[in-house]
């Protein structure tokens, strides 16, 4: 249980909070100050934590792996979404792509940094485990969020690339996105992301 708490406090929360911060920062730089004006452009985790998505879901997924219920290291979660008014972006069609990419890119940067630290060695068993989880979780969050399922970040990229006439129909799927993710999780289909996640982590130097 202590290990689970440490994973949530030291790995999950920073990864998810920085992911959301990156979205708000990118939007602010591209013309939409909504997150900043609402006090959400901050690294204060209290402003971003969702009790279910940031703590309960990742904790249960980690425990499932820890106790052998699940064979996959794949853990995901979410925070309170940073508010973005895409219509206020200087070039909405183009900039929605960059806002969408900002969160996953932040996770990739974090994963790479933790992989380089882990490569230095000389850590305790628990310290090494935390670093490995930091790499895997951040890569996993990046890969998961790039799925083209509204409202995941990948859907923002798709929205910026498809013809404007298709946008309304595509974004109409957003209310059902979470249900689709739950179905993918319960059917084990998200486990198919494991080779990609481990492959990216390996390229970063994680052994």
N, C-alpha and C. Protein backbone atom coordinates (compact mmCIF):
# COMPACT_ATOMS: atom_id res chain seq x y z
N UNK A 1 0.83 -1.21 0.00
CA UNK A 1 0.00 0.00 0.00
C UNK A 1 0.86 1.26 0.00
N UNK A 2 1.95 1.24 0.78
CA UNK A 2 2.85 2.39 0.82
C UNK A 2 3.43 2.65 -0.56
N UNK A 3 3.78 1.59 -1.25
CA UNK A 3 4.36 1.74 -2.59
C UNK A 3 3.34 2.37 -3.54
N UNK A 4 2.08 1.97 -3.43
CA UNK A 4 1.03 2.54 -4.27
C UNK A 4 0.88 4.03 -4.00
N UNK A 5 0.90 4.41 -2.73
CA UNK A 5 0.79 5.83 -2.35
C UNK A 5 1.95 6.62 -2.92
N UNK A 6 3.15 6.06 -2.85
CA UNK A 6 4.33 6.74 -3.39
C UNK A 6 4.23 6.90 -4.90
N UNK A 7 3.74 5.86 -5.57
CA UNK A 7 3.58 5.93 -7.03
C UNK A 7 2.62 7.05 -7.39
N UNK A 8 1.51 7.16 -6.65
CA UNK A 8 0.51 8.20 -6.94
C UNK A 8 1.09 9.58 -6.66
N UNK A 9 1.75 9.75 -5.52
CA UNK A 9 2.25 11.07 -5.12
C UNK A 9 3.44 11.52 -5.95
N UNK A 10 4.37 10.59 -6.24
CA UNK A 10 5.63 10.97 -6.87
C UNK A 10 5.67 10.73 -8.38
N UNK A 11 4.75 9.93 -8.88
CA UNK A 11 4.78 9.59 -10.31
C UNK A 11 3.51 10.07 -11.02
N UNK A 12 2.36 9.61 -10.55
CA UNK A 12 1.11 9.87 -11.26
C UNK A 12 0.72 11.34 -11.23
N UNK A 13 0.66 11.93 -10.03
CA UNK A 13 0.19 13.31 -9.92
C UNK A 13 1.08 14.28 -10.70
N UNK A 14 2.43 14.23 -10.54
CA UNK A 14 3.26 15.15 -11.34
C UNK A 14 3.07 14.98 -12.84
N UNK A 15 2.97 13.73 -13.31
CA UNK A 15 2.83 13.48 -14.74
C UNK A 15 1.53 14.07 -15.28
N UNK A 16 0.44 13.89 -14.55
CA UNK A 16 -0.86 14.36 -15.02
C UNK A 16 -0.98 15.88 -14.89
N UNK A 17 -0.48 16.43 -13.77
CA UNK A 17 -0.55 17.88 -13.55
C UNK A 17 0.26 18.62 -14.61
N UNK A 18 1.48 18.15 -14.88
CA UNK A 18 2.32 18.80 -15.88
C UNK A 18 1.72 18.66 -17.28
N UNK A 19 1.05 17.55 -17.52
CA UNK A 19 0.36 17.34 -18.80
C UNK A 19 -0.69 18.43 -19.01
N UNK A 20 -1.52 18.65 -18.00
CA UNK A 20 -2.57 19.67 -18.11
C UNK A 20 -1.98 21.08 -18.17
N UNK A 21 -0.95 21.33 -17.38
CA UNK A 21 -0.29 22.64 -17.39
C UNK A 21 0.21 22.96 -18.80
N UNK A 22 0.76 21.95 -19.47
CA UNK A 22 1.30 22.15 -20.82
C UNK A 22 0.21 22.58 -21.79
N UNK A 23 -0.97 21.98 -21.67
CA UNK A 23 -2.08 22.39 -22.53
C UNK A 23 -2.41 23.87 -22.30
N UNK A 24 -2.54 24.26 -21.03
CA UNK A 24 -2.87 25.64 -20.71
C UNK A 24 -1.80 26.62 -21.15
N UNK A 25 -0.55 26.22 -20.97
CA UNK A 25 0.58 27.09 -21.36
C UNK A 25 0.60 27.28 -22.87
N UNK A 26 0.40 26.20 -23.61
CA UNK A 26 0.40 26.30 -25.08
C UNK A 26 -0.75 27.18 -25.56
N UNK A 27 -1.93 26.98 -24.98
CA UNK A 27 -3.08 27.79 -25.38
C UNK A 27 -2.83 29.27 -25.08
N UNK A 28 -2.24 29.55 -23.93
CA UNK A 28 -1.96 30.93 -23.55
C UNK A 28 -0.99 31.57 -24.52
N UNK A 29 0.04 30.83 -24.91
CA UNK A 29 1.03 31.34 -25.84
C UNK A 29 0.44 31.55 -27.23
N UNK A 30 -0.62 30.80 -27.54
CA UNK A 30 -1.21 30.87 -28.88
C UNK A 30 -2.45 31.76 -28.93
N UNK A 31 -2.67 32.51 -27.85
CA UNK A 31 -3.72 33.52 -27.89
C UNK A 31 -4.91 33.34 -26.99
N UNK A 32 -5.04 32.18 -26.32
CA UNK A 32 -6.19 31.98 -25.44
C UNK A 32 -5.76 32.01 -23.97
N UNK A 33 -6.09 33.09 -23.24
CA UNK A 33 -5.65 33.22 -21.85
C UNK A 33 -6.64 32.62 -20.85
N UNK A 34 -7.60 31.83 -21.31
CA UNK A 34 -8.67 31.32 -20.43
C UNK A 34 -8.12 30.62 -19.19
N UNK A 35 -7.20 29.70 -19.37
CA UNK A 35 -6.65 28.96 -18.23
C UNK A 35 -5.96 29.89 -17.25
N UNK A 36 -5.19 30.83 -17.76
CA UNK A 36 -4.48 31.78 -16.90
C UNK A 36 -5.46 32.65 -16.12
N UNK A 37 -6.49 33.14 -16.81
CA UNK A 37 -7.45 34.03 -16.16
C UNK A 37 -8.28 33.29 -15.11
N UNK A 38 -8.41 31.98 -15.26
CA UNK A 38 -9.18 31.18 -14.30
C UNK A 38 -8.31 30.57 -13.22
N UNK A 39 -7.02 30.96 -13.20
CA UNK A 39 -6.12 30.45 -12.18
C UNK A 39 -5.69 29.02 -12.37
N UNK A 40 -5.84 28.48 -13.57
CA UNK A 40 -5.49 27.09 -13.83
C UNK A 40 -4.12 26.94 -14.48
N UNK A 41 -3.48 28.05 -14.83
CA UNK A 41 -2.13 27.97 -15.41
C UNK A 41 -1.15 27.96 -14.25
N UNK A 42 -1.15 26.88 -13.50
CA UNK A 42 -0.37 26.76 -12.28
C UNK A 42 0.10 25.32 -12.11
N UNK A 43 1.19 25.14 -11.38
CA UNK A 43 1.70 23.81 -11.07
C UNK A 43 1.17 23.30 -9.74
N UNK A 44 0.31 24.07 -9.10
CA UNK A 44 -0.31 23.65 -7.84
C UNK A 44 -1.22 22.45 -8.12
N UNK A 45 -0.87 21.27 -7.63
CA UNK A 45 -1.67 20.07 -7.96
C UNK A 45 -3.11 20.15 -7.48
N UNK A 46 -3.36 20.91 -6.43
CA UNK A 46 -4.73 21.02 -5.89
C UNK A 46 -5.68 21.56 -6.96
N UNK A 47 -5.17 22.42 -7.84
CA UNK A 47 -6.00 23.03 -8.88
C UNK A 47 -6.34 22.04 -10.00
N UNK A 48 -5.61 20.93 -10.06
CA UNK A 48 -5.77 20.03 -11.20
C UNK A 48 -6.28 18.64 -10.83
N UNK A 49 -6.12 18.23 -9.57
CA UNK A 49 -6.43 16.85 -9.20
C UNK A 49 -7.91 16.54 -9.32
N UNK A 50 -8.20 15.44 -9.98
CA UNK A 50 -9.53 14.86 -10.02
C UNK A 50 -9.47 13.61 -9.15
N UNK A 51 -10.26 13.53 -8.06
CA UNK A 51 -10.14 12.40 -7.13
C UNK A 51 -10.24 11.04 -7.81
N UNK A 52 -11.09 10.93 -8.80
CA UNK A 52 -11.26 9.65 -9.50
C UNK A 52 -10.14 9.43 -10.51
N UNK A 53 -9.96 10.39 -11.41
CA UNK A 53 -9.01 10.19 -12.51
C UNK A 53 -7.56 10.29 -12.13
N UNK A 54 -7.23 11.09 -11.10
CA UNK A 54 -5.84 11.30 -10.73
C UNK A 54 -5.38 10.34 -9.64
N UNK A 55 -6.31 9.83 -8.83
CA UNK A 55 -5.93 9.01 -7.69
C UNK A 55 -6.55 7.60 -7.77
N UNK A 56 -7.89 7.52 -7.83
CA UNK A 56 -8.55 6.22 -7.74
C UNK A 56 -8.22 5.30 -8.91
N UNK A 57 -8.44 5.78 -10.14
CA UNK A 57 -8.23 4.92 -11.31
C UNK A 57 -6.77 4.47 -11.45
N UNK A 58 -5.77 5.39 -11.42
CA UNK A 58 -4.38 4.94 -11.51
C UNK A 58 -3.99 4.01 -10.35
N UNK A 59 -4.51 4.31 -9.15
CA UNK A 59 -4.20 3.48 -7.99
C UNK A 59 -4.72 2.06 -8.16
N UNK A 60 -5.94 1.92 -8.63
CA UNK A 60 -6.52 0.60 -8.83
C UNK A 60 -5.79 -0.16 -9.94
N UNK A 61 -5.43 0.54 -11.02
CA UNK A 61 -4.69 -0.12 -12.10
C UNK A 61 -3.32 -0.59 -11.63
N UNK A 62 -2.67 0.23 -10.79
CA UNK A 62 -1.36 -0.17 -10.27
C UNK A 62 -1.51 -1.38 -9.35
N UNK A 63 -2.53 -1.36 -8.47
CA UNK A 63 -2.74 -2.48 -7.56
C UNK A 63 -3.06 -3.76 -8.34
N UNK A 64 -3.80 -3.61 -9.44
CA UNK A 64 -4.13 -4.79 -10.27
C UNK A 64 -2.86 -5.42 -10.81
N UNK A 65 -1.89 -4.59 -11.21
CA UNK A 65 -0.61 -5.12 -11.69
C UNK A 65 0.20 -5.69 -10.51
N UNK A 66 0.22 -4.95 -9.40
CA UNK A 66 1.02 -5.34 -8.23
C UNK A 66 0.60 -6.71 -7.71
N UNK A 67 -0.72 -6.99 -7.70
CA UNK A 67 -1.22 -8.25 -7.17
C UNK A 67 -1.42 -9.31 -8.24
N UNK A 68 -0.96 -9.04 -9.46
CA UNK A 68 -1.00 -10.04 -10.51
C UNK A 68 -2.34 -10.20 -11.19
N UNK A 69 -3.30 -9.31 -10.91
CA UNK A 69 -4.60 -9.38 -11.57
C UNK A 69 -4.46 -8.99 -13.03
N UNK A 70 -3.59 -8.01 -13.29
CA UNK A 70 -3.31 -7.58 -14.65
C UNK A 70 -1.83 -7.80 -14.95
N UNK A 71 -1.53 -8.24 -16.15
CA UNK A 71 -0.14 -8.45 -16.55
C UNK A 71 0.46 -7.22 -17.20
N UNK A 72 -0.36 -6.19 -17.38
CA UNK A 72 0.09 -5.00 -18.09
C UNK A 72 0.51 -3.91 -17.11
N UNK A 73 1.61 -3.24 -17.44
CA UNK A 73 2.06 -2.08 -16.67
C UNK A 73 1.30 -0.82 -17.08
N UNK A 74 0.42 -0.96 -18.04
CA UNK A 74 -0.28 0.22 -18.56
C UNK A 74 -1.17 0.84 -17.50
N UNK A 75 -0.87 2.06 -17.14
CA UNK A 75 -1.67 2.81 -16.17
C UNK A 75 -1.99 4.17 -16.79
N UNK A 76 -3.24 4.59 -16.68
CA UNK A 76 -3.58 5.91 -17.18
C UNK A 76 -4.46 6.62 -16.17
N UNK A 77 -4.62 7.90 -16.35
CA UNK A 77 -5.47 8.68 -15.47
C UNK A 77 -5.70 10.03 -16.12
N UNK A 78 -6.38 10.90 -15.39
CA UNK A 78 -6.65 12.22 -15.93
C UNK A 78 -6.81 13.22 -14.79
N UNK A 79 -6.67 14.47 -15.12
CA UNK A 79 -6.89 15.55 -14.17
C UNK A 79 -8.09 16.36 -14.63
N UNK A 80 -8.45 17.39 -13.87
CA UNK A 80 -9.49 18.30 -14.33
C UNK A 80 -8.96 18.98 -15.59
N UNK A 81 -9.67 18.87 -16.69
CA UNK A 81 -9.17 19.47 -17.94
C UNK A 81 -8.94 20.98 -17.79
N UNK A 82 -7.80 21.45 -18.29
CA UNK A 82 -7.55 22.89 -18.30
C UNK A 82 -8.48 23.51 -19.34
N UNK A 83 -9.21 24.56 -18.96
CA UNK A 83 -10.15 25.16 -19.92
C UNK A 83 -9.44 25.84 -21.07
N UNK A 84 -9.86 25.51 -22.27
CA UNK A 84 -9.31 26.12 -23.48
C UNK A 84 -10.46 26.56 -24.37
N UNK A 85 -10.46 27.80 -24.77
CA UNK A 85 -11.44 28.33 -25.71
C UNK A 85 -10.78 28.38 -27.08
N UNK A 86 -11.00 27.35 -27.86
CA UNK A 86 -10.28 27.23 -29.12
C UNK A 86 -10.59 28.37 -30.08
N UNK A 87 -11.75 28.99 -29.94
CA UNK A 87 -12.10 30.09 -30.83
C UNK A 87 -11.24 31.33 -30.58
N UNK A 88 -10.58 31.39 -29.41
CA UNK A 88 -9.75 32.54 -29.09
C UNK A 88 -8.31 32.36 -29.55
N UNK A 89 -7.97 31.19 -30.03
CA UNK A 89 -6.63 30.97 -30.56
C UNK A 89 -6.43 31.82 -31.81
N UNK A 90 -5.21 32.26 -32.04
CA UNK A 90 -4.95 33.14 -33.18
C UNK A 90 -5.27 32.47 -34.51
N UNK A 91 -4.96 31.20 -34.60
CA UNK A 91 -5.28 30.42 -35.80
C UNK A 91 -5.88 29.09 -35.32
N UNK A 92 -7.20 29.08 -35.01
CA UNK A 92 -7.81 27.91 -34.36
C UNK A 92 -7.54 26.58 -35.07
N UNK A 93 -7.64 26.56 -36.39
CA UNK A 93 -7.49 25.30 -37.11
C UNK A 93 -6.08 24.73 -36.96
N UNK A 94 -5.09 25.61 -36.95
CA UNK A 94 -3.70 25.16 -36.79
C UNK A 94 -3.34 24.98 -35.33
N UNK A 95 -3.72 25.94 -34.49
CA UNK A 95 -3.26 25.97 -33.12
C UNK A 95 -3.88 24.90 -32.24
N UNK A 96 -5.07 24.40 -32.62
CA UNK A 96 -5.68 23.33 -31.84
C UNK A 96 -4.78 22.09 -31.86
N UNK A 97 -4.02 21.93 -32.95
CA UNK A 97 -3.08 20.81 -33.05
C UNK A 97 -1.99 20.95 -32.01
N UNK A 98 -1.42 22.15 -31.91
CA UNK A 98 -0.32 22.37 -30.96
C UNK A 98 -0.78 22.28 -29.52
N UNK A 99 -1.99 22.78 -29.25
CA UNK A 99 -2.53 22.66 -27.89
C UNK A 99 -2.74 21.19 -27.54
N UNK A 100 -3.25 20.43 -28.50
CA UNK A 100 -3.47 19.01 -28.27
C UNK A 100 -2.18 18.24 -28.06
N UNK A 101 -1.14 18.60 -28.81
CA UNK A 101 0.15 17.91 -28.71
C UNK A 101 0.93 18.28 -27.46
N UNK A 102 0.65 19.45 -26.88
CA UNK A 102 1.45 19.96 -25.77
C UNK A 102 1.51 19.01 -24.58
N UNK A 103 0.36 18.43 -24.21
CA UNK A 103 0.34 17.52 -23.06
C UNK A 103 1.16 16.27 -23.29
N UNK A 104 0.91 15.51 -24.38
CA UNK A 104 1.72 14.32 -24.66
C UNK A 104 3.21 14.64 -24.81
N UNK A 105 3.54 15.78 -25.44
CA UNK A 105 4.95 16.14 -25.58
C UNK A 105 5.60 16.37 -24.22
N UNK A 106 4.86 16.99 -23.30
CA UNK A 106 5.37 17.18 -21.94
C UNK A 106 5.69 15.82 -21.30
N UNK A 107 4.79 14.85 -21.48
CA UNK A 107 5.03 13.53 -20.91
C UNK A 107 6.23 12.83 -21.53
N UNK A 108 6.44 13.04 -22.83
CA UNK A 108 7.59 12.45 -23.50
C UNK A 108 8.89 13.06 -22.95
N UNK A 109 8.89 14.37 -22.77
CA UNK A 109 10.07 15.05 -22.20
C UNK A 109 10.35 14.52 -20.79
N UNK A 110 9.31 14.38 -19.98
CA UNK A 110 9.48 13.86 -18.62
C UNK A 110 10.01 12.43 -18.66
N UNK A 111 9.45 11.61 -19.53
CA UNK A 111 9.88 10.21 -19.63
C UNK A 111 11.36 10.14 -20.00
N UNK A 112 11.77 10.95 -20.97
CA UNK A 112 13.17 10.95 -21.40
C UNK A 112 14.08 11.37 -20.25
N UNK A 113 13.67 12.40 -19.51
CA UNK A 113 14.49 12.88 -18.39
C UNK A 113 14.63 11.79 -17.33
N UNK A 114 13.55 11.12 -16.99
CA UNK A 114 13.61 10.07 -15.97
C UNK A 114 14.41 8.87 -16.46
N UNK A 115 14.33 8.58 -17.76
CA UNK A 115 15.11 7.47 -18.31
C UNK A 115 16.61 7.75 -18.20
N UNK A 116 17.01 9.00 -18.43
CA UNK A 116 18.42 9.36 -18.33
C UNK A 116 18.88 9.29 -16.88
N UNK A 117 18.01 9.70 -15.95
CA UNK A 117 18.36 9.61 -14.53
C UNK A 117 18.50 8.14 -14.11
N UNK A 118 17.56 7.31 -14.57
CA UNK A 118 17.60 5.88 -14.24
C UNK A 118 18.87 5.23 -14.76
N UNK A 119 19.35 5.70 -15.93
CA UNK A 119 20.55 5.12 -16.54
C UNK A 119 21.81 5.38 -15.71
N UNK A 120 21.74 6.37 -14.83
CA UNK A 120 22.90 6.67 -13.98
C UNK A 120 23.15 5.58 -12.95
N UNK A 121 22.09 4.85 -12.57
CA UNK A 121 22.23 3.75 -11.62
C UNK A 121 22.46 4.21 -10.20
N UNK A 122 22.84 3.27 -9.33
CA UNK A 122 23.15 3.54 -7.92
C UNK A 122 21.93 4.02 -7.15
N UNK A 123 20.76 3.46 -7.46
CA UNK A 123 19.55 3.80 -6.72
C UNK A 123 19.11 2.59 -5.90
N UNK A 124 18.36 2.86 -4.86
CA UNK A 124 17.77 1.76 -4.09
C UNK A 124 16.75 1.05 -4.97
N UNK A 125 16.33 -0.14 -4.52
CA UNK A 125 15.35 -0.90 -5.30
C UNK A 125 14.07 -0.10 -5.49
N UNK A 126 13.63 0.58 -4.43
CA UNK A 126 12.41 1.37 -4.53
C UNK A 126 12.61 2.59 -5.43
N UNK A 127 13.78 3.24 -5.31
CA UNK A 127 14.07 4.39 -6.14
C UNK A 127 14.11 4.02 -7.61
N UNK A 128 14.72 2.87 -7.92
CA UNK A 128 14.78 2.42 -9.31
C UNK A 128 13.39 2.10 -9.83
N UNK A 129 12.56 1.49 -8.98
CA UNK A 129 11.20 1.16 -9.39
C UNK A 129 10.40 2.43 -9.68
N UNK A 130 10.57 3.46 -8.84
CA UNK A 130 9.86 4.71 -9.07
C UNK A 130 10.27 5.35 -10.40
N UNK A 131 11.56 5.28 -10.71
CA UNK A 131 12.04 5.86 -11.96
C UNK A 131 11.49 5.10 -13.16
N UNK A 132 11.49 3.77 -13.07
CA UNK A 132 10.95 2.95 -14.16
C UNK A 132 9.47 3.26 -14.37
N UNK A 133 8.73 3.36 -13.27
CA UNK A 133 7.32 3.69 -13.38
C UNK A 133 7.12 5.08 -13.96
N UNK A 134 8.00 6.01 -13.61
CA UNK A 134 7.89 7.37 -14.14
C UNK A 134 8.04 7.37 -15.66
N UNK A 135 8.98 6.58 -16.15
CA UNK A 135 9.18 6.49 -17.60
C UNK A 135 7.98 5.83 -18.27
N UNK A 136 7.59 4.66 -17.75
CA UNK A 136 6.50 3.90 -18.35
C UNK A 136 5.19 4.68 -18.30
N UNK A 137 4.91 5.30 -17.15
CA UNK A 137 3.65 6.04 -17.02
C UNK A 137 3.60 7.22 -17.97
N UNK A 138 4.69 7.99 -18.04
CA UNK A 138 4.68 9.16 -18.90
C UNK A 138 4.59 8.79 -20.37
N UNK A 139 5.31 7.75 -20.78
CA UNK A 139 5.18 7.29 -22.17
C UNK A 139 3.76 6.78 -22.41
N UNK A 140 3.24 6.03 -21.43
CA UNK A 140 1.89 5.50 -21.54
C UNK A 140 0.84 6.59 -21.67
N UNK A 141 0.99 7.64 -20.87
CA UNK A 141 0.04 8.76 -20.96
C UNK A 141 0.10 9.44 -22.32
N UNK A 142 1.32 9.60 -22.83
CA UNK A 142 1.48 10.23 -24.14
C UNK A 142 0.82 9.39 -25.23
N UNK A 143 1.09 8.08 -25.21
CA UNK A 143 0.54 7.18 -26.24
C UNK A 143 -0.99 7.11 -26.11
N UNK A 144 -1.47 6.93 -24.88
CA UNK A 144 -2.90 6.81 -24.64
C UNK A 144 -3.64 8.07 -25.10
N UNK A 145 -3.11 9.23 -24.72
CA UNK A 145 -3.79 10.48 -25.05
C UNK A 145 -3.76 10.80 -26.53
N UNK A 146 -2.88 10.19 -27.28
CA UNK A 146 -2.84 10.43 -28.72
C UNK A 146 -3.81 9.55 -29.50
N UNK A 147 -4.56 8.69 -28.79
CA UNK A 147 -5.61 7.94 -29.49
C UNK A 147 -6.63 8.94 -30.05
N UNK A 148 -7.09 8.73 -31.26
CA UNK A 148 -8.01 9.71 -31.90
C UNK A 148 -9.44 9.57 -31.42
N UNK A 149 -9.61 9.47 -30.10
CA UNK A 149 -10.94 9.32 -29.51
C UNK A 149 -11.30 10.62 -28.79
N UNK A 150 -12.30 11.36 -29.25
CA UNK A 150 -12.70 12.56 -28.53
C UNK A 150 -13.12 12.20 -27.10
N UNK A 151 -12.69 12.93 -26.06
CA UNK A 151 -11.97 14.20 -26.12
C UNK A 151 -10.47 14.08 -25.87
N UNK A 152 -9.88 12.90 -26.13
CA UNK A 152 -8.44 12.75 -25.92
C UNK A 152 -7.66 13.68 -26.84
N UNK A 153 -6.40 13.91 -26.49
CA UNK A 153 -5.59 14.88 -27.22
C UNK A 153 -5.45 14.54 -28.70
N UNK A 154 -5.42 13.27 -29.01
CA UNK A 154 -5.31 12.87 -30.41
C UNK A 154 -6.46 13.39 -31.25
N UNK A 155 -7.63 13.53 -30.62
CA UNK A 155 -8.79 14.05 -31.36
C UNK A 155 -8.60 15.52 -31.71
N UNK A 156 -7.85 16.26 -30.88
CA UNK A 156 -7.59 17.67 -31.19
C UNK A 156 -6.70 17.77 -32.43
N UNK A 157 -5.75 16.86 -32.52
CA UNK A 157 -4.88 16.84 -33.70
C UNK A 157 -5.69 16.50 -34.94
N UNK A 158 -6.56 15.49 -34.82
CA UNK A 158 -7.41 15.09 -35.95
C UNK A 158 -8.31 16.26 -36.36
N UNK A 159 -8.88 16.96 -35.37
CA UNK A 159 -9.77 18.09 -35.67
C UNK A 159 -9.05 19.17 -36.47
N UNK A 160 -7.78 19.38 -36.17
CA UNK A 160 -7.01 20.38 -36.90
C UNK A 160 -6.64 19.95 -38.31
N UNK A 161 -6.71 18.65 -38.57
CA UNK A 161 -6.28 18.14 -39.87
C UNK A 161 -7.43 17.84 -40.83
N UNK A 162 -8.59 17.51 -40.29
CA UNK A 162 -9.70 17.14 -41.17
C UNK A 162 -10.39 18.38 -41.73
N UNK A 163 -11.13 18.24 -42.82
CA UNK A 163 -11.87 19.39 -43.38
C UNK A 163 -12.85 19.95 -42.34
N UNK A 164 -13.05 21.24 -42.37
CA UNK A 164 -13.94 21.90 -41.40
C UNK A 164 -15.34 21.31 -41.42
N UNK A 165 -15.79 20.85 -42.59
CA UNK A 165 -17.14 20.30 -42.72
C UNK A 165 -17.30 18.98 -41.97
N UNK A 166 -16.19 18.32 -41.61
CA UNK A 166 -16.25 17.06 -40.90
C UNK A 166 -16.21 17.24 -39.38
N UNK A 167 -15.80 18.42 -38.93
CA UNK A 167 -15.53 18.62 -37.52
C UNK A 167 -16.74 18.36 -36.63
N UNK A 168 -17.89 18.89 -37.00
CA UNK A 168 -19.08 18.78 -36.16
C UNK A 168 -19.44 17.32 -35.91
N UNK A 169 -19.43 16.53 -36.96
CA UNK A 169 -19.76 15.11 -36.83
C UNK A 169 -18.75 14.36 -35.99
N UNK A 170 -17.48 14.68 -36.20
CA UNK A 170 -16.42 13.99 -35.44
C UNK A 170 -16.49 14.34 -33.96
N UNK A 171 -16.63 15.62 -33.63
CA UNK A 171 -16.67 16.06 -32.25
C UNK A 171 -17.97 15.65 -31.55
N UNK A 172 -18.98 15.27 -32.32
CA UNK A 172 -20.23 14.80 -31.72
C UNK A 172 -20.02 13.48 -30.98
N UNK A 173 -18.90 12.82 -31.26
CA UNK A 173 -18.57 11.57 -30.58
C UNK A 173 -18.06 11.80 -29.16
N UNK A 174 -17.73 13.06 -28.83
CA UNK A 174 -17.07 13.35 -27.55
C UNK A 174 -17.83 12.85 -26.32
N UNK A 175 -19.17 12.98 -26.24
CA UNK A 175 -19.87 12.49 -25.04
C UNK A 175 -19.73 10.98 -24.83
N UNK A 176 -19.38 10.25 -25.90
CA UNK A 176 -19.27 8.79 -25.82
C UNK A 176 -17.82 8.32 -25.72
N UNK A 177 -16.88 9.28 -25.73
CA UNK A 177 -15.47 8.92 -25.72
C UNK A 177 -15.06 8.15 -24.50
N UNK A 178 -15.50 8.60 -23.33
CA UNK A 178 -15.11 7.94 -22.08
C UNK A 178 -15.65 6.51 -22.04
N UNK A 179 -16.88 6.34 -22.55
CA UNK A 179 -17.48 5.00 -22.58
C UNK A 179 -16.64 4.08 -23.47
N UNK A 180 -16.19 4.61 -24.61
CA UNK A 180 -15.36 3.82 -25.51
C UNK A 180 -14.05 3.42 -24.85
N UNK A 181 -13.44 4.37 -24.10
CA UNK A 181 -12.18 4.07 -23.41
C UNK A 181 -12.40 2.96 -22.38
N UNK A 182 -13.50 3.01 -21.63
CA UNK A 182 -13.80 1.98 -20.64
C UNK A 182 -13.96 0.62 -21.31
N UNK A 183 -14.63 0.61 -22.47
CA UNK A 183 -14.81 -0.65 -23.21
C UNK A 183 -13.45 -1.19 -23.65
N UNK A 184 -12.60 -0.31 -24.19
CA UNK A 184 -11.27 -0.73 -24.63
C UNK A 184 -10.45 -1.29 -23.46
N UNK A 185 -10.60 -0.65 -22.29
CA UNK A 185 -9.86 -1.09 -21.11
C UNK A 185 -10.36 -2.45 -20.63
N UNK A 186 -11.68 -2.60 -20.54
CA UNK A 186 -12.26 -3.83 -20.01
C UNK A 186 -12.08 -5.02 -20.94
N UNK A 187 -11.96 -4.75 -22.23
CA UNK A 187 -11.75 -5.85 -23.19
C UNK A 187 -10.28 -6.19 -23.37
N UNK A 188 -9.41 -5.42 -22.71
CA UNK A 188 -7.97 -5.68 -22.81
C UNK A 188 -7.34 -5.13 -24.08
N UNK A 189 -8.12 -4.40 -24.88
CA UNK A 189 -7.58 -3.90 -26.14
C UNK A 189 -6.49 -2.86 -25.94
N UNK A 190 -6.56 -2.13 -24.80
CA UNK A 190 -5.53 -1.14 -24.54
C UNK A 190 -4.18 -1.80 -24.24
N UNK A 191 -4.22 -3.10 -23.87
CA UNK A 191 -2.96 -3.83 -23.63
C UNK A 191 -2.13 -3.91 -24.89
N UNK A 192 -2.77 -3.77 -26.04
CA UNK A 192 -2.04 -3.83 -27.30
C UNK A 192 -1.10 -2.63 -27.47
N UNK A 193 -1.27 -1.62 -26.60
CA UNK A 193 -0.37 -0.46 -26.64
C UNK A 193 0.96 -0.76 -25.95
N UNK A 194 1.01 -1.84 -25.16
CA UNK A 194 2.22 -2.15 -24.39
C UNK A 194 3.49 -2.22 -25.24
N UNK A 195 3.49 -2.95 -26.38
CA UNK A 195 4.73 -3.01 -27.17
C UNK A 195 5.22 -1.64 -27.61
N UNK A 196 4.29 -0.76 -27.97
CA UNK A 196 4.69 0.59 -28.38
C UNK A 196 5.25 1.36 -27.19
N UNK A 197 4.60 1.26 -26.04
CA UNK A 197 5.06 1.96 -24.84
C UNK A 197 6.45 1.48 -24.44
N UNK A 198 6.63 0.16 -24.37
CA UNK A 198 7.94 -0.38 -24.00
C UNK A 198 8.99 -0.07 -25.06
N UNK A 199 8.57 -0.07 -26.32
CA UNK A 199 9.52 0.24 -27.39
C UNK A 199 10.04 1.66 -27.29
N UNK A 200 9.13 2.62 -27.03
CA UNK A 200 9.56 4.01 -26.87
C UNK A 200 10.44 4.17 -25.64
N UNK A 201 10.05 3.51 -24.54
CA UNK A 201 10.85 3.58 -23.31
C UNK A 201 12.25 3.01 -23.54
N UNK A 202 12.32 1.93 -24.33
CA UNK A 202 13.61 1.32 -24.63
C UNK A 202 14.49 2.27 -25.46
N UNK A 203 13.87 2.95 -26.42
CA UNK A 203 14.61 3.90 -27.25
C UNK A 203 15.18 5.05 -26.41
N UNK A 204 14.49 5.34 -25.30
CA UNK A 204 14.94 6.41 -24.40
C UNK A 204 16.09 5.95 -23.50
N UNK A 205 16.37 4.65 -23.55
CA UNK A 205 17.48 4.13 -22.74
C UNK A 205 17.07 3.35 -21.54
N UNK A 206 15.76 3.13 -21.34
CA UNK A 206 15.32 2.35 -20.19
C UNK A 206 15.60 0.87 -20.43
N UNK A 207 16.24 0.26 -19.47
CA UNK A 207 16.59 -1.15 -19.62
C UNK A 207 15.50 -2.04 -19.02
